[in-house]
Amino acid sequence: MSNLQTIPFKDKQGEEKTLKDFQAKATLVVNVASKCGLTPQYTGLQALYEKYHAQGLEIMGFPANEFLAQEPGSNEEIQSFCSLNYGVGFPIHQKIVVKGEGQHPLYKALTEGQPEAIKNENGQFETLLSSKGLITGEPHEIHWNFEKFLLNAEGQIVARFFPDITAKDERVISQIEALLAA
């Protein structure tokens, strides 16, 4: 068992959980925000969850407010927003810090375990963030909302995807399908 699977976090009810509690063949861990230009990615994440959850995919949403304060709500407000606006059925856990001071141990382990993200070749989103001075910190740190980590059944990091790579991207889907078929 990977030590990623043993790091505690709080679910939406405030109960302590670990990734191991979810018994998934593949887990997609995503830092989410409700007031971001990428927030519509909830639609694709939910579609992915509906298509593959019964086969062993789990999606874990971790609200975070580190990027231009784009997740200001309380845990209850976040749950309501996700449900009412996007019909989210996958777990959205309690808000955590994914970058900087107070970084949650799960995100420390994820970013150190997979320091580089797969990026789109054109790099337009990264260029936009950089041009506005919004990519800060160390290269291995989370760059923005909706960065995704794909883990296998043992909790090992298989891939990390830059925020503008959506759940509909063939690179995400093909790796999930490979894990589910294993």
C-alpha atoms as a PDB file:
ATOM      1  CA  MET A   1       0.000   0.000   0.000  1.00  0.00           C
ATOM      2  CA  SER A   2       1.271   3.414  -0.988  1.00  0.00           C
ATOM      3  CA  ASN A   3       1.623   5.931   1.752  1.00  0.00           C
ATOM      4  CA  LEU A   4      -0.625   8.256  -0.334  1.00  0.00           C
ATOM      5  CA  GLN A   5      -3.446   5.888   0.566  1.00  0.00           C
ATOM      6  CA  THR A   6      -2.913   6.383   4.292  1.00  0.00           C
ATOM      7  CA  ILE A   7      -2.920  10.202   4.461  1.00  0.00           C
ATOM      8  CA  PRO A   8      -6.062  11.348   6.284  1.00  0.00           C
ATOM      9  CA  PHE A   9      -8.415  14.057   5.025  1.00  0.00           C
ATOM     10  CA  LYS A  10     -11.967  15.036   5.932  1.00  0.00           C
ATOM     11  CA  ASP A  11     -14.950  14.075   3.804  1.00  0.00           C
ATOM     12  CA  LYS A  12     -17.896  16.413   3.305  1.00  0.00           C
ATOM     13  CA  GLN A  13     -19.373  15.396   6.690  1.00  0.00           C
ATOM     14  CA  GLY A  14     -16.086  16.131   8.450  1.00  0.00           C
ATOM     15  CA  GLU A  15     -15.260  12.471   9.018  1.00  0.00           C
ATOM     16  CA  GLU A  16     -11.645  11.408   8.632  1.00  0.00           C
ATOM     17  CA  LYS A  17     -11.037   9.271   5.545  1.00  0.00           C
ATOM     18  CA  THR A  18      -8.120   8.069   3.424  1.00  0.00           C
ATOM     19  CA  LEU A  19      -7.940   7.157  -0.251  1.00  0.00           C
ATOM     20  CA  LYS A  20      -7.792   3.497   0.803  1.00  0.00           C
ATOM     21  CA  ASP A  21     -11.350   3.818   2.156  1.00  0.00           C
ATOM     22  CA  PHE A  22     -12.650   4.154  -1.408  1.00  0.00           C
ATOM     23  CA  GLN A  23     -11.246   0.863  -2.805  1.00  0.00           C
ATOM     24  CA  ALA A  24     -10.823   2.211  -6.343  1.00  0.00           C
ATOM     25  CA  LYS A  25      -8.978   0.670  -9.301  1.00  0.00           C
ATOM     26  CA  ALA A  26      -8.261   4.220 -10.493  1.00  0.00           C
ATOM     27  CA  THR A  27      -8.549   7.498  -8.580  1.00  0.00           C
ATOM     28  CA  LEU A  28      -8.546  10.956 -10.117  1.00  0.00           C
ATOM     29  CA  VAL A  29      -7.658  13.578  -7.491  1.00  0.00           C
ATOM     30  CA  VAL A  30      -8.606  17.134  -8.500  1.00  0.00           C
ATOM     31  CA  ASN A  31      -8.277  20.475  -6.697  1.00  0.00           C
ATOM     32  CA  VAL A  32     -11.515  22.285  -7.516  1.00  0.00           C
ATOM     33  CA  ALA A  33     -12.970  25.799  -7.243  1.00  0.00           C
ATOM     34  CA  SER A  34     -16.431  27.212  -7.904  1.00  0.00           C
ATOM     35  CA  LYS A  35     -15.520  30.705  -9.149  1.00  0.00           C
ATOM     36  CA  CYS A  36     -12.866  29.831 -11.717  1.00  0.00           C
ATOM     37  CA  GLY A  37     -12.916  29.979 -15.494  1.00  0.00           C
ATOM     38  CA  LEU A  38     -12.261  26.229 -15.397  1.00  0.00           C
ATOM     39  CA  THR A  39     -15.246  25.486 -13.105  1.00  0.00           C
ATOM     40  CA  PRO A  40     -17.271  24.098 -16.057  1.00  0.00           C
ATOM     41  CA  GLN A  41     -14.836  21.145 -15.930  1.00  0.00           C
ATOM     42  CA  TYR A  42     -17.193  19.770 -13.263  1.00  0.00           C
ATOM     43  CA  THR A  43     -19.461  18.713 -16.167  1.00  0.00           C
ATOM     44  CA  GLY A  44     -16.754  16.567 -17.764  1.00  0.00           C
ATOM     45  CA  LEU A  45     -15.627  15.149 -14.444  1.00  0.00           C
ATOM     46  CA  GLN A  46     -19.207  14.137 -13.613  1.00  0.00           C
ATOM     47  CA  ALA A  47     -19.638  12.515 -17.051  1.00  0.00           C
ATOM     48  CA  LEU A  48     -16.397  10.574 -16.513  1.00  0.00           C
ATOM     49  CA  TYR A  49     -17.605   9.506 -13.072  1.00  0.00           C
ATOM     50  CA  GLU A  50     -20.965   8.332 -14.432  1.00  0.00           C
ATOM     51  CA  LYS A  51     -19.316   6.367 -17.228  1.00  0.00           C
ATOM     52  CA  TYR A  52     -16.570   4.645 -15.227  1.00  0.00           C
ATOM     53  CA  HIS A  53     -17.489   4.622 -11.528  1.00  0.00           C
ATOM     54  CA  ALA A  54     -19.146   1.194 -11.671  1.00  0.00           C
ATOM     55  CA  GLN A  55     -15.936  -0.165 -13.239  1.00  0.00           C
ATOM     56  CA  GLY A  56     -13.777   1.128 -10.371  1.00  0.00           C
ATOM     57  CA  LEU A  57     -13.049   4.819 -11.012  1.00  0.00           C
ATOM     58  CA  GLU A  58     -13.247   7.231  -8.102  1.00  0.00           C
ATOM     59  CA  ILE A  59     -12.962  10.975  -8.492  1.00  0.00           C
ATOM     60  CA  MET A  60     -11.944  12.990  -5.448  1.00  0.00           C
ATOM     61  CA  GLY A  61     -12.640  16.715  -5.453  1.00  0.00           C
ATOM     62  CA  PHE A  62     -10.675  18.837  -3.009  1.00  0.00           C
ATOM     63  CA  PRO A  63     -11.862  22.459  -2.901  1.00  0.00           C
ATOM     64  CA  ALA A  64      -9.017  24.924  -2.470  1.00  0.00           C
ATOM     65  CA  ASN A  65      -8.864  28.709  -2.259  1.00  0.00           C
ATOM     66  CA  GLU A  66      -5.203  29.341  -3.154  1.00  0.00           C
ATOM     67  CA  PHE A  67      -5.740  30.759  -6.640  1.00  0.00           C
ATOM     68  CA  LEU A  68      -7.218  34.279  -6.655  1.00  0.00           C
ATOM     69  CA  ALA A  69      -9.578  33.228  -3.833  1.00  0.00           C
ATOM     70  CA  GLN A  70     -11.768  31.352  -6.342  1.00  0.00           C
ATOM     71  CA  GLU A  71     -13.196  28.995  -3.709  1.00  0.00           C
ATOM     72  CA  PRO A  72     -14.354  31.354  -0.953  1.00  0.00           C
ATOM     73  CA  GLY A  73     -17.402  29.394   0.203  1.00  0.00           C
ATOM     74  CA  SER A  74     -17.933  27.284   3.283  1.00  0.00           C
ATOM     75  CA  ASN A  75     -17.920  23.500   2.928  1.00  0.00           C
ATOM     76  CA  GLU A  76     -21.733  23.538   2.918  1.00  0.00           C
ATOM     77  CA  GLU A  77     -21.866  26.249   0.224  1.00  0.00           C
ATOM     78  CA  ILE A  78     -19.396  24.307  -1.928  1.00  0.00           C
ATOM     79  CA  GLN A  79     -21.448  21.095  -1.647  1.00  0.00           C
ATOM     80  CA  SER A  80     -24.622  22.957  -2.562  1.00  0.00           C
ATOM     81  CA  PHE A  81     -22.967  24.725  -5.513  1.00  0.00           C
ATOM     82  CA  CYS A  82     -21.592  21.470  -6.945  1.00  0.00           C
ATOM     83  CA  SER A  83     -24.876  19.647  -6.590  1.00  0.00           C
ATOM     84  CA  LEU A  84     -27.195  22.398  -7.848  1.00  0.00           C
ATOM     85  CA  ASN A  85     -25.053  23.725 -10.703  1.00  0.00           C
ATOM     86  CA  TYR A  86     -23.287  20.612 -11.964  1.00  0.00           C
ATOM     87  CA  GLY A  87     -25.112  17.593 -10.513  1.00  0.00           C
ATOM     88  CA  VAL A  88     -21.854  16.387  -8.998  1.00  0.00           C
ATOM     89  CA  GLY A  89     -22.164  12.873  -7.614  1.00  0.00           C
ATOM     90  CA  PHE A  90     -18.499  12.173  -6.947  1.00  0.00           C
ATOM     91  CA  PRO A  91     -17.075  13.019  -3.509  1.00  0.00           C
ATOM     92  CA  ILE A  92     -16.259  16.665  -2.862  1.00  0.00           C
ATOM     93  CA  HIS A  93     -14.344  16.694   0.397  1.00  0.00           C
ATOM     94  CA  GLN A  94     -13.777  19.514   2.853  1.00  0.00           C
ATOM     95  CA  LYS A  95     -11.710  22.476   1.692  1.00  0.00           C
ATOM     96  CA  ILE A  96      -7.941  22.084   2.068  1.00  0.00           C
ATOM     97  CA  VAL A  97      -4.763  24.000   1.224  1.00  0.00           C
ATOM     98  CA  VAL A  98      -3.109  22.569  -1.905  1.00  0.00           C
ATOM     99  CA  LYS A  99      -0.187  25.003  -2.202  1.00  0.00           C
ATOM    100  CA  GLY A 100       1.917  27.141   0.097  1.00  0.00           C
ATOM    101  CA  GLU A 101       1.760  27.578   3.839  1.00  0.00           C
ATOM    102  CA  GLY A 102      -0.421  24.958   5.497  1.00  0.00           C
ATOM    103  CA  GLN A 103      -0.341  22.671   2.446  1.00  0.00           C
ATOM    104  CA  HIS A 104      -2.279  19.490   3.162  1.00  0.00           C
ATOM    105  CA  PRO A 105      -0.011  16.412   3.462  1.00  0.00           C
ATOM    106  CA  LEU A 106      -1.912  14.688   0.623  1.00  0.00           C
ATOM    107  CA  TYR A 107      -1.028  17.480  -1.791  1.00  0.00           C
ATOM    108  CA  LYS A 108       2.535  17.644  -0.510  1.00  0.00           C
ATOM    109  CA  ALA A 109       2.905  13.930  -1.291  1.00  0.00           C
ATOM    110  CA  LEU A 110       1.172  14.253  -4.680  1.00  0.00           C
ATOM    111  CA  THR A 111       3.241  17.194  -5.897  1.00  0.00           C
ATOM    112  CA  GLU A 112       6.522  15.758  -4.655  1.00  0.00           C
ATOM    113  CA  GLY A 113       5.637  12.313  -6.007  1.00  0.00           C
ATOM    114  CA  GLN A 114       4.866  13.637  -9.506  1.00  0.00           C
ATOM    115  CA  PRO A 115       6.568  17.002  -9.946  1.00  0.00           C
ATOM    116  CA  GLU A 116       5.701  17.500 -13.632  1.00  0.00           C
ATOM    117  CA  ALA A 117       2.288  17.666 -15.258  1.00  0.00           C
ATOM    118  CA  ILE A 118       1.342  16.541 -18.749  1.00  0.00           C
ATOM    119  CA  LYS A 119       0.545  19.718 -20.654  1.00  0.00           C
ATOM    120  CA  ASN A 120      -1.180  20.699 -23.872  1.00  0.00           C
ATOM    121  CA  GLU A 121       1.307  21.204 -26.692  1.00  0.00           C
ATOM    122  CA  ASN A 122       0.151  24.736 -27.486  1.00  0.00           C
ATOM    123  CA  GLY A 123       0.591  25.781 -23.854  1.00  0.00           C
ATOM    124  CA  GLN A 124      -1.830  28.695 -24.215  1.00  0.00           C
ATOM    125  CA  PHE A 125      -3.311  28.365 -20.734  1.00  0.00           C
ATOM    126  CA  GLU A 126       0.103  28.147 -19.097  1.00  0.00           C
ATOM    127  CA  THR A 127       1.253  31.157 -21.146  1.00  0.00           C
ATOM    128  CA  LEU A 128      -1.831  33.112 -20.048  1.00  0.00           C
ATOM    129  CA  LEU A 129      -1.242  32.314 -16.362  1.00  0.00           C
ATOM    130  CA  SER A 130       2.464  33.138 -16.656  1.00  0.00           C
ATOM    131  CA  SER A 131       1.846  36.414 -18.496  1.00  0.00           C
ATOM    132  CA  LYS A 132      -0.367  37.577 -15.632  1.00  0.00           C
ATOM    133  CA  GLY A 133       2.170  36.484 -13.000  1.00  0.00           C
ATOM    134  CA  LEU A 134      -0.192  33.810 -11.693  1.00  0.00           C
ATOM    135  CA  ILE A 135       2.154  30.825 -11.774  1.00  0.00           C
ATOM    136  CA  THR A 136       4.179  31.168  -8.612  1.00  0.00           C
ATOM    137  CA  GLY A 137       6.217  28.965  -6.330  1.00  0.00           C
ATOM    138  CA  GLU A 138       8.313  25.946  -7.159  1.00  0.00           C
ATOM    139  CA  PRO A 139       7.909  24.139 -10.493  1.00  0.00           C
ATOM    140  CA  HIS A 140       6.488  21.019  -8.794  1.00  0.00           C
ATOM    141  CA  GLU A 141       3.718  22.921  -6.986  1.00  0.00           C
ATOM    142  CA  ILE A 142       0.074  23.045  -8.081  1.00  0.00           C
ATOM    143  CA  HIS A 143      -0.257  25.621 -10.858  1.00  0.00           C
ATOM    144  CA  TRP A 144      -3.993  26.382 -10.770  1.00  0.00           C
ATOM    145  CA  ASN A 145      -7.447  24.992 -10.021  1.00  0.00           C
ATOM    146  CA  PHE A 146      -8.430  21.680 -11.650  1.00  0.00           C
ATOM    147  CA  GLU A 147      -4.974  20.112 -11.772  1.00  0.00           C
ATOM    148  CA  LYS A 148      -5.464  16.341 -11.849  1.00  0.00           C
ATOM    149  CA  PHE A 149      -3.533  13.380 -10.451  1.00  0.00           C
ATOM    150  CA  LEU A 150      -4.366   9.850 -11.596  1.00  0.00           C
ATOM    151  CA  LEU A 151      -3.555   7.047  -9.152  1.00  0.00           C
ATOM    152  CA  ASN A 152      -3.653   3.286  -9.615  1.00  0.00           C
ATOM    153  CA  ALA A 153      -5.265   0.759  -7.247  1.00  0.00           C
ATOM    154  CA  GLU A 154      -2.109   0.719  -5.106  1.00  0.00           C
ATOM    155  CA  GLY A 155      -2.196   4.502  -4.730  1.00  0.00           C
ATOM    156  CA  GLN A 156       0.804   5.123  -6.981  1.00  0.00           C
ATOM    157  CA  ILE A 157       0.741   8.218  -9.169  1.00  0.00           C
ATOM    158  CA  VAL A 158       0.329   7.242 -12.811  1.00  0.00           C
ATOM    159  CA  ALA A 159      -0.028  10.728 -14.301  1.00  0.00           C
ATOM    160  CA  ARG A 160      -0.465  14.393 -13.480  1.00  0.00           C
ATOM    161  CA  PHE A 161      -2.415  16.646 -15.827  1.00  0.00           C
ATOM    162  CA  PHE A 162      -2.122  20.429 -16.153  1.00  0.00           C
ATOM    163  CA  PRO A 163      -5.386  22.262 -15.311  1.00  0.00           C
ATOM    164  CA  ASP A 164      -6.455  22.871 -18.918  1.00  0.00           C
ATOM    165  CA  ILE A 165      -6.387  19.152 -19.757  1.00  0.00           C
ATOM    166  CA  THR A 166     -10.007  18.207 -19.202  1.00  0.00           C
ATOM    167  CA  ALA A 167     -11.653  14.950 -18.189  1.00  0.00           C
ATOM    168  CA  LYS A 168     -12.720  14.535 -21.847  1.00  0.00           C
ATOM    169  CA  ASP A 169      -9.100  14.515 -23.062  1.00  0.00           C
ATOM    170  CA  GLU A 170      -8.086  11.231 -24.663  1.00  0.00           C
ATOM    171  CA  ARG A 171      -4.850  11.204 -22.606  1.00  0.00           C
ATOM    172  CA  VAL A 172      -6.913  11.117 -19.406  1.00  0.00           C
ATOM    173  CA  ILE A 173      -9.500   8.632 -20.665  1.00  0.00           C
ATOM    174  CA  SER A 174      -6.992   6.182 -22.142  1.00  0.00           C
ATOM    175  CA  GLN A 175      -4.988   6.025 -18.916  1.00  0.00           C
ATOM    176  CA  ILE A 176      -8.143   5.538 -16.823  1.00  0.00           C
ATOM    177  CA  GLU A 177      -9.349   2.781 -19.144  1.00  0.00           C
ATOM    178  CA  ALA A 178      -5.967   1.050 -18.920  1.00  0.00           C
ATOM    179  CA  LEU A 179      -6.095   1.094 -15.115  1.00  0.00           C
ATOM    180  CA  LEU A 180      -9.660  -0.200 -15.050  1.00  0.00           C
ATOM    181  CA  ALA A 181      -8.781  -3.037 -17.433  1.00  0.00           C
ATOM    182  CA  ALA A 182      -5.767  -4.153 -15.369  1.00  0.00           C
END
